[in-house]
């Protein structure tokens, strides 16, 4: 589900995780709610994302992948704790 679409003139601001970039992002206009856009604009944005592989299948894949990754990290952590306790 798309809630909003933000446009950044400077692509570095979008990916930068620094406090300065976060501060700059907060000062920008975030645009209207997606549901408030004209229906034709909504359809075009959805088509744009679909053409780039951002679709329902991806939305279903992400939680599954996160669970898999978390489980893998948890097992690594357990192994590290076991090695520490055994030492």
PDB file of N, CA and C in Angstrom:
ATOM      1  N   UNK A   1       0.845  -1.166   0.000  1.00  0.00           N
ATOM      2  CA  UNK A   1       0.000   0.000   0.000  1.00  0.00           C
ATOM      3  C   UNK A   1       0.891   1.230   0.000  1.00  0.00           C
ATOM      4  N   UNK A   2       0.624   2.137  -0.875  1.00  0.00           N
ATOM      5  CA  UNK A   2       1.386   3.372  -0.961  1.00  0.00           C
ATOM      6  C   UNK A   2       0.699   4.414  -0.095  1.00  0.00           C
ATOM      7  N   UNK A   3       1.444   5.016   0.816  1.00  0.00           N
ATOM      8  CA  UNK A   3       0.883   6.063   1.669  1.00  0.00           C
ATOM      9  C   UNK A   3       1.219   7.452   1.157  1.00  0.00           C
ATOM     10  N   UNK A   4       2.461   7.630   0.705  1.00  0.00           N
ATOM     11  CA  UNK A   4       2.863   8.927   0.184  1.00  0.00           C
ATOM     12  C   UNK A   4       4.062   8.748  -0.728  1.00  0.00           C
ATOM     13  N   UNK A   5       4.334   9.782  -1.505  1.00  0.00           N
ATOM     14  CA  UNK A   5       5.476   9.771  -2.409  1.00  0.00           C
ATOM     15  C   UNK A   5       6.246  11.061  -2.170  1.00  0.00           C
ATOM     16  N   UNK A   6       7.532  10.916  -1.895  1.00  0.00           N
ATOM     17  CA  UNK A   6       8.381  12.066  -1.625  1.00  0.00           C
ATOM     18  C   UNK A   6       9.355  12.222  -2.778  1.00  0.00           C
ATOM     19  N   UNK A   7       9.550  13.448  -3.212  1.00  0.00           N
ATOM     20  CA  UNK A   7      10.501  13.727  -4.284  1.00  0.00           C
ATOM     21  C   UNK A   7      11.690  14.485  -3.695  1.00  0.00           C
ATOM     22  N   UNK A   8      12.898  13.959  -3.922  1.00  0.00           N
ATOM     23  CA  UNK A   8      14.120  14.622  -3.477  1.00  0.00           C
ATOM     24  C   UNK A   8      14.868  15.154  -4.690  1.00  0.00           C
ATOM     25  N   UNK A   9      15.153  16.461  -4.695  1.00  0.00           N
ATOM     26  CA  UNK A   9      15.944  17.034  -5.779  1.00  0.00           C
ATOM     27  C   UNK A   9      17.384  16.551  -5.700  1.00  0.00           C
ATOM     28  N   UNK A  10      17.848  16.287  -4.482  1.00  0.00           N
ATOM     29  CA  UNK A  10      19.213  15.807  -4.255  1.00  0.00           C
ATOM     30  C   UNK A  10      19.144  14.340  -3.834  1.00  0.00           C
ATOM     31  N   UNK A  11      19.525  13.411  -4.718  1.00  0.00           N
ATOM     32  CA  UNK A  11      19.420  11.983  -4.368  1.00  0.00           C
ATOM     33  C   UNK A  11      20.253  11.585  -3.157  1.00  0.00           C
ATOM     34  N   UNK A  12      21.299  12.337  -2.846  1.00  0.00           N
ATOM     35  CA  UNK A  12      22.138  12.013  -1.686  1.00  0.00           C
ATOM     36  C   UNK A  12      21.344  12.114  -0.389  1.00  0.00           C
ATOM     37  N   UNK A  13      20.387  13.018  -0.334  1.00  0.00           N
ATOM     38  CA  UNK A  13      19.575  13.182   0.879  1.00  0.00           C
ATOM     39  C   UNK A  13      18.721  11.942   1.136  1.00  0.00           C
ATOM     40  N   UNK A  14      18.257  11.309   0.071  1.00  0.00           N
ATOM     41  CA  UNK A  14      17.373  10.152   0.217  1.00  0.00           C
ATOM     42  C   UNK A  14      18.070   8.980   0.890  1.00  0.00           C
ATOM     43  N   UNK A  15      19.332   8.730   0.555  1.00  0.00           N
ATOM     44  CA  UNK A  15      20.013   7.553   1.075  1.00  0.00           C
ATOM     45  C   UNK A  15      20.941   7.807   2.238  1.00  0.00           C
ATOM     46  N   UNK A  16      21.290   9.056   2.478  1.00  0.00           N
ATOM     47  CA  UNK A  16      22.234   9.385   3.552  1.00  0.00           C
ATOM     48  C   UNK A  16      21.567   9.183   4.912  1.00  0.00           C
ATOM     49  N   UNK A  17      22.225   8.449   5.804  1.00  0.00           N
ATOM     50  CA  UNK A  17      21.662   8.151   7.110  1.00  0.00           C
ATOM     51  C   UNK A  17      22.194   9.060   8.212  1.00  0.00           C
ATOM     52  N   UNK A  18      22.898  10.122   7.842  1.00  0.00           N
ATOM     53  CA  UNK A  18      23.469  11.022   8.852  1.00  0.00           C
ATOM     54  C   UNK A  18      22.372  11.885   9.468  1.00  0.00           C
ATOM     55  N   UNK A  19      22.696  12.452  10.625  1.00  0.00           N
ATOM     56  CA  UNK A  19      21.753  13.343  11.309  1.00  0.00           C
ATOM     57  C   UNK A  19      21.483  14.583  10.466  1.00  0.00           C
ATOM     58  N   UNK A  20      22.495  15.056   9.768  1.00  0.00           N
ATOM     59  CA  UNK A  20      22.328  16.245   8.929  1.00  0.00           C
ATOM     60  C   UNK A  20      21.335  15.982   7.794  1.00  0.00           C
ATOM     61  N   UNK A  21      21.471  14.836   7.138  1.00  0.00           N
ATOM     62  CA  UNK A  21      20.544  14.491   6.057  1.00  0.00           C
ATOM     63  C   UNK A  21      19.131  14.297   6.596  1.00  0.00           C
ATOM     64  N   UNK A  22      19.026  13.692   7.772  1.00  0.00           N
ATOM     65  CA  UNK A  22      17.718  13.502   8.389  1.00  0.00           C
ATOM     66  C   UNK A  22      17.070  14.859   8.662  1.00  0.00           C
ATOM     67  N   UNK A  23      17.862  15.799   9.141  1.00  0.00           N
ATOM     68  CA  UNK A  23      17.360  17.138   9.415  1.00  0.00           C
ATOM     69  C   UNK A  23      16.877  17.804   8.120  1.00  0.00           C
ATOM     70  N   UNK A  24      17.634  17.642   7.042  1.00  0.00           N
ATOM     71  CA  UNK A  24      17.240  18.215   5.748  1.00  0.00           C
ATOM     72  C   UNK A  24      15.946  17.587   5.248  1.00  0.00           C
ATOM     73  N   UNK A  25      15.810  16.260   5.397  1.00  0.00           N
ATOM     74  CA  UNK A  25      14.583  15.575   4.957  1.00  0.00           C
ATOM     75  C   UNK A  25      13.370  16.090   5.715  1.00  0.00           C
ATOM     76  N   UNK A  26      13.537  16.333   6.996  1.00  0.00           N
ATOM     77  CA  UNK A  26      12.408  16.786   7.823  1.00  0.00           C
ATOM     78  C   UNK A  26      11.900  18.157   7.398  1.00  0.00           C
ATOM     79  N   UNK A  27      12.775  18.959   6.795  1.00  0.00           N
ATOM     80  CA  UNK A  27      12.384  20.298   6.384  1.00  0.00           C
ATOM     81  C   UNK A  27      11.738  20.357   5.009  1.00  0.00           C
ATOM     82  N   UNK A  28      11.657  19.237   4.318  1.00  0.00           N
ATOM     83  CA  UNK A  28      11.096  19.213   2.974  1.00  0.00           C
ATOM     84  C   UNK A  28       9.597  18.934   2.996  1.00  0.00           C
ATOM     85  N   UNK A  29       8.918  19.417   1.976  1.00  0.00           N
ATOM     86  CA  UNK A  29       7.489  19.117   1.809  1.00  0.00           C
ATOM     87  C   UNK A  29       7.371  17.650   1.409  1.00  0.00           C
ATOM     88  N   UNK A  30       6.592  16.889   2.136  1.00  0.00           N
ATOM     89  CA  UNK A  30       6.502  15.454   1.920  1.00  0.00           C
ATOM     90  C   UNK A  30       5.430  15.072   0.906  1.00  0.00           C
ATOM     91  N   UNK A  31       4.716  16.035   0.377  1.00  0.00           N
ATOM     92  CA  UNK A  31       3.693  15.739  -0.615  1.00  0.00           C
ATOM     93  C   UNK A  31       2.385  15.332   0.040  1.00  0.00           C
ATOM     94  N   UNK A  32       1.325  15.235  -0.762  1.00  0.00           N
ATOM     95  CA  UNK A  32       0.025  14.831  -0.221  1.00  0.00           C
ATOM     96  C   UNK A  32      -0.025  13.336   0.047  1.00  0.00           C
ATOM     97  N   UNK A  33      -1.033  12.924   0.766  1.00  0.00           N
ATOM     98  CA  UNK A  33      -1.278  11.496   0.942  1.00  0.00           C
ATOM     99  C   UNK A  33      -1.579  10.903  -0.427  1.00  0.00           C
ATOM    100  N   UNK A  34      -1.090   9.702  -0.667  1.00  0.00           N
ATOM    101  CA  UNK A  34      -1.278   9.064  -1.972  1.00  0.00           C
ATOM    102  C   UNK A  34      -2.756   8.966  -2.329  1.00  0.00           C
ATOM    103  N   UNK A  35      -3.578   8.638  -1.352  1.00  0.00           N
ATOM    104  CA  UNK A  35      -5.014   8.460  -1.611  1.00  0.00           C
ATOM    105  C   UNK A  35      -5.703   9.763  -1.999  1.00  0.00           C
ATOM    106  N   UNK A  36      -5.065  10.903  -1.719  1.00  0.00           N
ATOM    107  CA  UNK A  36      -5.648  12.200  -2.061  1.00  0.00           C
ATOM    108  C   UNK A  36      -5.278  12.652  -3.473  1.00  0.00           C
ATOM    109  N   UNK A  37      -4.339  11.954  -4.116  1.00  0.00           N
ATOM    110  CA  UNK A  37      -3.964  12.301  -5.482  1.00  0.00           C
ATOM    111  C   UNK A  37      -5.075  11.922  -6.444  1.00  0.00           C
ATOM    112  N   UNK A  38      -5.095  12.583  -7.575  1.00  0.00           N
ATOM    113  CA  UNK A  38      -6.029  12.230  -8.641  1.00  0.00           C
ATOM    114  C   UNK A  38      -5.867  10.740  -8.959  1.00  0.00           C
ATOM    115  N   UNK A  39      -6.968  10.058  -9.210  1.00  0.00           N
ATOM    116  CA  UNK A  39      -6.920   8.612  -9.447  1.00  0.00           C
ATOM    117  C   UNK A  39      -6.016   8.254 -10.625  1.00  0.00           C
ATOM    118  N   UNK A  40      -5.991   9.076 -11.650  1.00  0.00           N
ATOM    119  CA  UNK A  40      -5.117   8.827 -12.791  1.00  0.00           C
ATOM    120  C   UNK A  40      -3.644   8.886 -12.411  1.00  0.00           C
ATOM    121  N   UNK A  41      -3.291   9.823 -11.535  1.00  0.00           N
ATOM    122  CA  UNK A  41      -1.902   9.931 -11.059  1.00  0.00           C
ATOM    123  C   UNK A  41      -1.549   8.700 -10.232  1.00  0.00           C
ATOM    124  N   UNK A  42      -2.487   8.249  -9.410  1.00  0.00           N
ATOM    125  CA  UNK A  42      -2.253   7.051  -8.609  1.00  0.00           C
ATOM    126  C   UNK A  42      -1.970   5.851  -9.512  1.00  0.00           C
ATOM    127  N   UNK A  43      -2.772   5.689 -10.539  1.00  0.00           N
ATOM    128  CA  UNK A  43      -2.605   4.566 -11.465  1.00  0.00           C
ATOM    129  C   UNK A  43      -1.235   4.640 -12.142  1.00  0.00           C
ATOM    130  N   UNK A  44      -0.824   5.830 -12.569  1.00  0.00           N
ATOM    131  CA  UNK A  44       0.474   5.986 -13.230  1.00  0.00           C
ATOM    132  C   UNK A  44       1.628   5.651 -12.286  1.00  0.00           C
ATOM    133  N   UNK A  45       1.541   6.090 -11.026  1.00  0.00           N
ATOM    134  CA  UNK A  45       2.586   5.748 -10.061  1.00  0.00           C
ATOM    135  C   UNK A  45       2.632   4.244  -9.822  1.00  0.00           C
ATOM    136  N   UNK A  46       1.481   3.624  -9.690  1.00  0.00           N
ATOM    137  CA  UNK A  46       1.440   2.173  -9.478  1.00  0.00           C
ATOM    138  C   UNK A  46       2.029   1.435 -10.672  1.00  0.00           C
ATOM    139  N   UNK A  47       1.730   1.888 -11.873  1.00  0.00           N
ATOM    140  CA  UNK A  47       2.289   1.290 -13.079  1.00  0.00           C
ATOM    141  C   UNK A  47       3.813   1.465 -13.119  1.00  0.00           C
ATOM    142  N   UNK A  48       4.270   2.667 -12.762  1.00  0.00           N
ATOM    143  CA  UNK A  48       5.706   2.967 -12.715  1.00  0.00           C
ATOM    144  C   UNK A  48       6.428   1.991 -11.780  1.00  0.00           C
ATOM    145  N   UNK A  49       5.880   1.792 -10.584  1.00  0.00           N
ATOM    146  CA  UNK A  49       6.489   0.878  -9.612  1.00  0.00           C
ATOM    147  C   UNK A  49       6.429  -0.569 -10.094  1.00  0.00           C
ATOM    148  N   UNK A  50       5.303  -0.955 -10.652  1.00  0.00           N
ATOM    149  CA  UNK A  50       5.129  -2.327 -11.158  1.00  0.00           C
ATOM    150  C   UNK A  50       6.162  -2.651 -12.233  1.00  0.00           C
ATOM    151  N   UNK A  51       6.420  -1.695 -13.122  1.00  0.00           N
ATOM    152  CA  UNK A  51       7.408  -1.906 -14.192  1.00  0.00           C
ATOM    153  C   UNK A  51       8.809  -2.114 -13.633  1.00  0.00           C
ATOM    154  N   UNK A  52       9.048  -1.648 -12.430  1.00  0.00           N
ATOM    155  CA  UNK A  52      10.360  -1.777 -11.798  1.00  0.00           C
ATOM    156  C   UNK A  52      10.410  -2.917 -10.788  1.00  0.00           C
ATOM    157  N   UNK A  53       9.391  -3.747 -10.772  1.00  0.00           N
ATOM    158  CA  UNK A  53       9.388  -4.930  -9.916  1.00  0.00           C
ATOM    159  C   UNK A  53       8.926  -4.680  -8.502  1.00  0.00           C
ATOM    160  N   UNK A  54       8.418  -3.499  -8.226  1.00  0.00           N
ATOM    161  CA  UNK A  54       7.902  -3.193  -6.891  1.00  0.00           C
ATOM    162  C   UNK A  54       6.409  -3.468  -6.956  1.00  0.00           C
ATOM    163  N   UNK A  55       6.038  -4.675  -6.489  1.00  0.00           N
ATOM    164  CA  UNK A  55       4.666  -5.135  -6.650  1.00  0.00           C
ATOM    165  C   UNK A  55       4.234  -5.962  -5.444  1.00  0.00           C
ATOM    166  N   UNK A  56       3.093  -6.577  -5.547  1.00  0.00           N
ATOM    167  CA  UNK A  56       2.548  -7.380  -4.447  1.00  0.00           C
ATOM    168  C   UNK A  56       3.466  -8.545  -4.102  1.00  0.00           C
ATOM    169  N   UNK A  57       4.057  -9.155  -5.104  1.00  0.00           N
ATOM    170  CA  UNK A  57       4.969 -10.285  -4.848  1.00  0.00           C
ATOM    171  C   UNK A  57       6.145  -9.829  -3.984  1.00  0.00           C
ATOM    172  N   UNK A  58       6.686  -8.652  -4.276  1.00  0.00           N
ATOM    173  CA  UNK A  58       7.784  -8.121  -3.471  1.00  0.00           C
ATOM    174  C   UNK A  58       7.306  -7.812  -2.055  1.00  0.00           C
ATOM    175  N   UNK A  59       6.110  -7.252  -1.947  1.00  0.00           N
ATOM    176  CA  UNK A  59       5.558  -6.932  -0.626  1.00  0.00           C
ATOM    177  C   UNK A  59       5.381  -8.180   0.227  1.00  0.00           C
ATOM    178  N   UNK A  60       5.058  -9.307  -0.389  1.00  0.00           N
ATOM    179  CA  UNK A  60       4.919 -10.566   0.357  1.00  0.00           C
ATOM    180  C   UNK A  60       6.279 -11.186   0.657  1.00  0.00           C
ATOM    181  N   UNK A  61       7.248 -10.969  -0.214  1.00  0.00           N
ATOM    182  CA  UNK A  61       8.577 -11.537  -0.037  1.00  0.00           C
ATOM    183  C   UNK A  61       9.334 -10.885   1.126  1.00  0.00           C
ATOM    184  N   UNK A  62       9.204  -9.587   1.283  1.00  0.00           N
ATOM    185  CA  UNK A  62      10.002  -8.853   2.270  1.00  0.00           C
ATOM    186  C   UNK A  62       9.812  -9.380   3.693  1.00  0.00           C
ATOM    187  N   UNK A  63       8.591  -9.543   4.215  1.00  0.00           N
ATOM    188  CA  UNK A  63       8.461 -10.072   5.581  1.00  0.00           C
ATOM    189  C   UNK A  63       9.034 -11.492   5.731  1.00  0.00           C
ATOM    190  N   UNK A  64       8.865 -12.313   4.684  1.00  0.00           N
ATOM    191  CA  UNK A  64       9.426 -13.667   4.733  1.00  0.00           C
ATOM    192  C   UNK A  64      10.949 -13.615   4.806  1.00  0.00           C
ATOM    193  N   UNK A  65      11.544 -12.743   4.007  1.00  0.00           N
ATOM    194  CA  UNK A  65      12.998 -12.612   4.008  1.00  0.00           C
ATOM    195  C   UNK A  65      13.496 -12.066   5.346  1.00  0.00           C
ATOM    196  N   UNK A  66      12.790 -11.094   5.900  1.00  0.00           N
ATOM    197  CA  UNK A  66      13.179 -10.526   7.191  1.00  0.00           C
ATOM    198  C   UNK A  66      13.153 -11.609   8.266  1.00  0.00           C
ATOM    199  N   UNK A  67      12.113 -12.432   8.263  1.00  0.00           N
ATOM    200  CA  UNK A  67      12.018 -13.521   9.245  1.00  0.00           C
ATOM    201  C   UNK A  67      13.169 -14.505   9.066  1.00  0.00           C
ATOM    202  N   UNK A  68      13.475 -14.855   7.824  1.00  0.00           N
ATOM    203  CA  UNK A  68      14.585 -15.764   7.541  1.00  0.00           C
ATOM    204  C   UNK A  68      15.913 -15.174   8.025  1.00  0.00           C
ATOM    205  N   UNK A  69      16.145 -13.903   7.717  1.00  0.00           N
ATOM    206  CA  UNK A  69      17.390 -13.241   8.113  1.00  0.00           C
ATOM    207  C   UNK A  69      17.499 -13.149   9.635  1.00  0.00           C
ATOM    208  N   UNK A  70      16.403 -12.803  10.282  1.00  0.00           N
ATOM    209  CA  UNK A  70      16.410 -12.706  11.740  1.00  0.00           C
ATOM    210  C   UNK A  70      16.718 -14.066  12.369  1.00  0.00           C
ATOM    211  N   UNK A  71      16.129 -15.117  11.849  1.00  0.00           N
ATOM    212  CA  UNK A  71      16.383 -16.464  12.363  1.00  0.00           C
ATOM    213  C   UNK A  71      17.846 -16.846  12.192  1.00  0.00           C
ATOM    214  N   UNK A  72      18.415 -16.520  11.021  1.00  0.00           N
ATOM    215  CA  UNK A  72      19.818 -16.812  10.754  1.00  0.00           C
ATOM    216  C   UNK A  72      20.726 -16.048  11.721  1.00  0.00           C
ATOM    217  N   UNK A  73      20.418 -14.772  11.955  1.00  0.00           N
ATOM    218  CA  UNK A  73      21.212 -13.963  12.895  1.00  0.00           C
ATOM    219  C   UNK A  73      21.068 -14.500  14.321  1.00  0.00           C
ATOM    220  N   UNK A  74      19.878 -14.933  14.682  1.00  0.00           N
ATOM    221  CA  UNK A  74      19.650 -15.491  16.012  1.00  0.00           C
ATOM    222  C   UNK A  74      20.475 -16.758  16.213  1.00  0.00           C
ATOM    223  N   UNK A  75      20.523 -17.613  15.207  1.00  0.00           N
ATOM    224  CA  UNK A  75      21.323 -18.836  15.315  1.00  0.00           C
ATOM    225  C   UNK A  75      22.810 -18.515  15.444  1.00  0.00           C
ATOM    226  N   UNK A  76      23.288 -17.517  14.720  1.00  0.00           N
ATOM    227  CA  UNK A  76      24.688 -17.085  14.855  1.00  0.00           C
ATOM    228  C   UNK A  76      24.953 -16.582  16.269  1.00  0.00           C
ATOM    229  N   UNK A  77      24.011 -15.827  16.796  1.00  0.00           N
ATOM    230  CA  UNK A  77      24.159 -15.293  18.145  1.00  0.00           C
ATOM    231  C   UNK A  77      24.208 -16.431  19.168  1.00  0.00           C
ATOM    232  N   UNK A  78      23.313 -17.398  19.030  1.00  0.00           N
ATOM    233  CA  UNK A  78      23.323 -18.542  19.942  1.00  0.00           C
ATOM    234  C   UNK A  78      24.654 -19.288  19.883  1.00  0.00           C
ATOM    235  N   UNK A  79      25.177 -19.475  18.677  1.00  0.00           N
ATOM    236  CA  UNK A  79      26.466 -20.145  18.508  1.00  0.00           C
ATOM    237  C   UNK A  79      27.580 -19.356  19.200  1.00  0.00           C
ATOM    238  N   UNK A  80      27.559 -18.040  19.056  1.00  0.00           N
ATOM    239  CA  UNK A  80      28.583 -17.209  19.710  1.00  0.00           C
ATOM    240  C   UNK A  80      28.483 -17.301  21.226  1.00  0.00           C
ATOM    241  N   UNK A  81      27.273 -17.289  21.754  1.00  0.00           N
ATOM    242  CA  UNK A  81      27.076 -17.411  23.202  1.00  0.00           C
ATOM    243  C   UNK A  81      27.546 -18.775  23.674  1.00  0.00           C
ATOM    244  N   UNK A  82      27.230 -19.831  22.925  1.00  0.00           N
ATOM    245  CA  UNK A  82      27.659 -21.178  23.297  1.00  0.00           C
ATOM    246  C   UNK A  82      29.188 -21.271  23.330  1.00  0.00           C
ATOM    247  N   UNK A  83      29.845 -20.697  22.324  1.00  0.00           N
ATOM    248  CA  UNK A  83      31.309 -20.708  22.304  1.00  0.00           C
ATOM    249  C   UNK A  83      31.904 -19.922  23.467  1.00  0.00           C
ATOM    250  N   UNK A  84      31.282 -18.809  23.816  1.00  0.00           N
ATOM    251  CA  UNK A  84      31.765 -17.988  24.928  1.00  0.00           C
ATOM    252  C   UNK A  84      31.618 -18.733  26.253  1.00  0.00           C
ATOM    253  N   UNK A  85      30.476 -19.362  26.456  1.00  0.00           N
ATOM    254  CA  UNK A  85      30.223 -20.077  27.713  1.00  0.00           C
ATOM    255  C   UNK A  85      31.125 -21.310  27.813  1.00  0.00           C
ATOM    256  N   UNK A  86      31.414 -21.943  26.692  1.00  0.00           N
ATOM    257  CA  UNK A  86      32.232 -23.152  26.705  1.00  0.00           C
ATOM    258  C   UNK A  86      33.701 -22.845  26.960  1.00  0.00           C
ATOM    259  N   UNK A  87      34.118 -21.609  26.753  1.00  0.00           N
ATOM    260  CA  UNK A  87      35.538 -21.251  26.898  1.00  0.00           C
ATOM    261  C   UNK A  87      36.003 -21.240  28.327  1.00  0.00           C
TER     262      UNK A  87
END
